[in-house]
Each structure stands twice: as structure tokens, then as C-alpha cells.
Amino acid sequence: MSVPIARREARIEKREEILRATARLISRRGIRGLRTADVATEAGVSPGLLFYHFSDRDGLLDATLEYLDNAARRFRSVLHTDDASLRESLIRHVVDEIQDVPELVQVSLVWSEFRSAAVYEPTLRPGIQRATRGWTTMLSDAISEGQGRGDIGAGDPDVIAQLLTTLVEGFDGRWATGEMDTGEARRLLQLAAERLIPAP
């Protein structure tokens, strides 16, 4: 491995560690009052290195949202499978937003905190809107494809996708705060998704 490639990989790893540290701190303390100096300490890096990777606190938080979105994506079931209709696959995909996996629990806690903090910190809103729009568009596209294949019944894909997104966020928030255990949240989320995604 050449030196420039090794340095680039080391920089990527440091950046990832800063994002992991940010998520850990937010899951323990919340966003309000989060200081970049605390993140640097948690990540074991200098404040200068943190600012090398992220221009400021807003840039760090925006990148953390993207990191959380990518982390959650690893736990979702694949949408297209040979052994299930697209409707069944999509329902599984939605229900898999809630799982008893420590990393996914942390993602849910931090995501809920971002959404709550954005009420008072407008600079957080564009990142949340971008991530939500990506998820909703993916759902809408999958519903349209399922309708084209005859796996999903009639209905406006965008409206169904918006309803599913709101549903998942509501269940996710209640699950993350312990109001609902994982089994109950998944069971109810599945029942609701089955009603929202029309059968053919």
C-alpha cells in the first residue's frame, strides 16, 4: 500500500471515529450544549483535526446525520427479493427500522434527538429534510414499481410514502424512549404498514 493511500485511509478512519463519537455523545447528553471540544475529547483527536474534517459545529452535525442514515441502512432488509412480492418486501423493510441491535437503538435515539432539537435549532432542519426526503422517495419509488408489477394495489405512492415515513418516525420515537418494547413496536408497525400499503 502506498503512503498516500495509507494516509487517506487513516484520515477516513479518523473522520469516521469523530462521527461515531458525536453520535455517542448525543445519545448520552443530547444536542443542546454539545461542544466540539467534547467531541474531540471523546474521539481522541485534537480540536484542530476535528475542524480539518468539519468546518464548524453545524458541519459536524450535518455529517453526523448522513452517518446515521448510512448506519441505519445496514440493518434494513433488501427491498427486492425473489421469494416475496414487492409489497411483502417493502413491509419487512419498514418494520426493520426497529430492531434490538445496540447500534440501531443508538441511531434511533440520536435521530429522535436531532428531530426534537431542530424545533429550536433551524440549522439542523436542512439535513433532516434531506435524509427524510431520501427515505420517502425510496419508499415512493418502490410503491410505484410494486404497482407496475401488480404487487401493490392502487393509491398515490407519494401519499403512502409520506404516511409510512410519519408512522415509522412515531413508532421509532416511542420505541427509543422505552414507551414500547421492540416486539410490540414491530408487531404494531407491521399491522399499520399492511394497512397503508394496499394489497393488489
Protein backbone atom coordinates (compact mmCIF):
# COMPACT_ATOMS: atom_id res chain seq x y z
CA MET A 1 0.00 0.00 0.00
CA SER A 2 1.46 3.35 -0.97
CA VAL A 3 1.93 6.09 1.62
CA PRO A 4 -0.70 8.47 0.11
CA ILE A 5 -3.34 5.69 0.15
CA ALA A 6 -2.45 4.77 3.75
CA ARG A 7 -2.73 8.43 4.79
CA ARG A 8 -6.06 8.79 3.01
CA GLU A 9 -7.41 5.68 4.76
CA ALA A 10 -6.15 6.99 8.12
CA ARG A 11 -7.94 10.30 7.50
CA ILE A 12 -11.16 8.48 6.59
CA GLU A 13 -10.91 6.37 9.76
CA LYS A 14 -10.33 9.47 11.93
CA ARG A 15 -13.32 11.17 10.32
CA GLU A 16 -15.48 8.09 11.00
CA GLU A 17 -14.32 7.99 14.61
CA ILE A 18 -15.28 11.65 15.06
CA LEU A 19 -18.76 10.86 13.71
CA ARG A 20 -19.11 7.80 15.96
CA ALA A 21 -18.00 9.91 18.93
CA THR A 22 -20.54 12.60 18.05
CA ALA A 23 -23.33 10.01 17.91
CA ARG A 24 -22.25 8.54 21.26
CA LEU A 25 -22.23 11.94 22.94
CA ILE A 26 -25.61 12.92 21.52
CA SER A 27 -27.13 9.61 22.66
CA ARG A 28 -25.87 10.30 26.20
CA ARG A 29 -26.34 14.08 26.52
CA GLY A 30 -28.43 15.36 23.62
CA ILE A 31 -27.54 18.03 21.07
CA ARG A 32 -28.20 21.19 23.02
CA GLY A 33 -24.95 22.21 24.62
CA LEU A 34 -22.89 19.78 22.53
CA ARG A 35 -19.43 21.30 22.18
CA THR A 36 -16.88 20.41 19.53
CA ALA A 37 -14.19 20.27 22.24
CA ASP A 38 -16.14 17.48 23.97
CA VAL A 39 -16.45 15.60 20.67
CA ALA A 40 -12.68 15.90 20.07
CA THR A 41 -12.00 14.51 23.56
CA GLU A 42 -14.49 11.66 23.06
CA ALA A 43 -12.93 10.80 19.68
CA GLY A 44 -9.36 11.10 20.99
CA VAL A 45 -8.37 13.71 18.43
CA SER A 46 -7.23 17.31 18.61
CA PRO A 47 -9.77 20.11 18.06
CA GLY A 48 -7.66 21.12 15.05
CA LEU A 49 -8.15 17.71 13.42
CA LEU A 50 -11.88 17.91 14.07
CA PHE A 51 -12.03 21.27 12.28
CA TYR A 52 -9.87 19.87 9.48
CA HIS A 53 -12.67 17.43 8.71
CA PHE A 54 -15.66 19.61 9.61
CA SER A 55 -15.80 23.36 9.14
CA ASP A 56 -17.82 24.01 12.30
CA ARG A 57 -20.39 22.50 14.69
CA ASP A 58 -23.15 22.75 12.05
CA GLY A 59 -20.97 20.91 9.52
CA LEU A 60 -20.22 18.21 12.09
CA LEU A 61 -23.90 17.74 12.92
CA ASP A 62 -24.88 17.64 9.25
CA ALA A 63 -22.27 14.95 8.59
CA THR A 64 -23.48 13.05 11.66
CA LEU A 65 -26.99 12.92 10.18
CA GLU A 66 -25.59 11.39 7.00
CA TYR A 67 -23.56 8.93 9.08
CA LEU A 68 -26.72 7.91 11.00
CA ASP A 69 -28.66 7.42 7.78
CA ASN A 70 -25.94 5.15 6.39
CA ALA A 71 -25.72 3.24 9.69
CA ALA A 72 -29.49 2.58 9.72
CA ARG A 73 -29.39 1.44 6.09
CA ARG A 74 -27.16 -1.51 7.03
CA PHE A 75 -29.95 -3.03 9.14
CA ARG A 76 -32.80 -2.73 6.66
CA SER A 77 -33.85 -5.80 4.72
CA VAL A 78 -33.23 -5.71 1.00
CA LEU A 79 -36.24 -4.46 -0.92
CA HIS A 80 -36.06 -6.76 -3.92
CA THR A 81 -36.15 -10.48 -3.14
CA ASP A 82 -37.02 -13.45 -5.33
CA ASP A 83 -39.16 -15.19 -2.72
CA ALA A 84 -41.55 -12.35 -1.86
CA SER A 85 -43.77 -9.84 -3.57
CA LEU A 86 -42.52 -6.27 -3.54
CA ARG A 87 -45.33 -5.42 -1.11
CA GLU A 88 -44.15 -8.07 1.38
CA SER A 89 -40.56 -6.99 0.90
CA LEU A 90 -41.45 -3.33 1.47
CA ILE A 91 -43.37 -4.14 4.66
CA ARG A 92 -40.34 -6.05 6.00
CA HIS A 93 -38.11 -3.15 5.01
CA VAL A 94 -40.26 -0.71 7.00
CA VAL A 95 -40.54 -2.97 10.07
CA ASP A 96 -36.76 -3.46 10.10
CA GLU A 97 -36.36 0.17 11.14
CA ILE A 98 -36.90 -1.23 14.65
CA GLN A 99 -34.57 -3.98 15.84
CA ASP A 100 -32.91 -4.94 19.12
CA VAL A 101 -29.41 -4.12 17.86
CA PRO A 102 -27.39 -1.71 20.05
CA GLU A 103 -26.11 0.32 17.11
CA LEU A 104 -29.60 0.73 15.67
CA VAL A 105 -31.01 1.67 19.09
CA GLN A 106 -28.36 4.39 19.31
CA VAL A 107 -29.21 5.59 15.80
CA SER A 108 -32.88 5.86 16.81
CA LEU A 109 -32.07 7.76 20.00
CA VAL A 110 -29.83 10.22 18.17
CA TRP A 111 -32.24 10.62 15.26
CA SER A 112 -35.08 11.41 17.70
CA GLU A 113 -32.85 13.95 19.42
CA PHE A 114 -31.99 15.62 16.08
CA ARG A 115 -35.65 15.91 15.18
CA SER A 116 -36.54 17.37 18.58
CA ALA A 117 -33.59 19.80 18.62
CA ALA A 118 -34.43 21.05 15.12
CA VAL A 119 -37.51 22.75 16.56
CA TYR A 120 -35.13 25.17 18.30
CA GLU A 121 -32.07 24.94 16.02
CA PRO A 122 -33.18 25.72 12.45
CA THR A 123 -29.69 24.95 11.11
CA LEU A 124 -30.44 21.25 11.73
CA ARG A 125 -33.53 21.24 9.54
CA PRO A 126 -31.94 21.00 6.06
CA GLY A 127 -30.05 17.82 6.97
CA ILE A 128 -33.14 16.21 8.48
CA GLN A 129 -35.23 17.21 5.47
CA ARG A 130 -32.62 15.81 3.08
CA ALA A 131 -32.41 12.45 4.87
CA THR A 132 -36.20 12.20 5.21
CA ARG A 133 -36.71 13.12 1.56
CA GLY A 134 -34.28 10.36 0.51
CA TRP A 135 -36.13 7.75 2.58
CA THR A 136 -39.57 8.92 1.41
CA THR A 137 -38.50 8.97 -2.25
CA MET A 138 -37.14 5.43 -1.93
CA LEU A 139 -40.49 4.27 -0.49
CA SER A 140 -42.49 6.09 -3.16
CA ASP A 141 -40.37 4.61 -5.97
CA ALA A 142 -40.73 1.11 -4.52
CA ILE A 143 -44.52 1.52 -4.24
CA SER A 144 -44.71 2.73 -7.86
CA GLU A 145 -42.64 -0.23 -9.01
CA GLY A 146 -44.81 -2.61 -6.98
CA GLN A 147 -47.94 -1.16 -8.55
CA GLY A 148 -46.41 -1.58 -12.00
CA ARG A 149 -45.64 -5.23 -11.24
CA GLY A 150 -49.09 -5.88 -9.77
CA ASP A 151 -47.70 -6.50 -6.25
CA ILE A 152 -49.27 -3.38 -4.72
CA GLY A 153 -52.80 -2.02 -5.14
CA ALA A 154 -53.91 1.40 -6.31
CA GLY A 155 -53.08 4.55 -4.39
CA ASP A 156 -50.88 7.63 -4.60
CA PRO A 157 -47.29 6.42 -3.97
CA ASP A 158 -46.16 9.80 -2.61
CA VAL A 159 -49.02 9.97 -0.11
CA ILE A 160 -48.46 6.38 1.04
CA ALA A 161 -44.73 7.04 1.39
CA GLN A 162 -45.35 10.17 3.48
CA LEU A 163 -47.75 8.29 5.74
CA LEU A 164 -45.29 5.41 6.16
CA THR A 165 -42.48 7.83 7.00
CA THR A 166 -44.56 9.58 9.65
CA LEU A 167 -45.65 6.23 11.04
CA VAL A 168 -42.08 4.91 11.30
CA GLU A 169 -40.87 8.11 12.96
CA GLY A 170 -43.67 7.93 15.52
CA PHE A 171 -43.03 4.30 16.40
CA ASP A 172 -39.27 4.86 16.37
CA GLY A 173 -39.56 7.72 18.85
CA ARG A 174 -41.79 5.76 21.23
CA TRP A 175 -39.51 2.71 20.98
CA ALA A 176 -36.33 4.75 21.52
CA THR A 177 -37.76 6.27 24.70
CA GLY A 178 -38.84 2.88 26.08
CA GLU A 179 -42.58 3.51 25.82
CA MET A 180 -42.85 0.38 23.71
CA ASP A 181 -40.70 -2.74 23.60
CA THR A 182 -39.19 -4.00 20.36
CA GLY A 183 -41.63 -6.87 19.81
CA GLU A 184 -44.70 -4.70 20.35
CA ALA A 185 -43.32 -1.88 18.18
CA ARG A 186 -42.52 -4.27 15.32
CA ARG A 187 -45.89 -6.03 15.60
CA LEU A 188 -47.89 -2.81 15.52
CA LEU A 189 -45.70 -1.27 12.82
CA GLN A 190 -46.28 -4.33 10.64
CA LEU A 191 -50.05 -4.17 11.15
CA ALA A 192 -50.08 -0.47 10.24
CA ALA A 193 -47.82 -0.93 7.20
CA GLU A 194 -50.03 -3.76 5.94
CA ARG A 195 -53.00 -1.41 6.05
CA LEU A 196 -51.20 1.52 4.47
CA ILE A 197 -49.63 -0.41 1.57
CA PRO A 198 -52.62 -1.59 -0.47
CA ALA A 199 -52.83 -5.24 -1.41
CA PRO A 200 -53.34 -5.85 -5.16
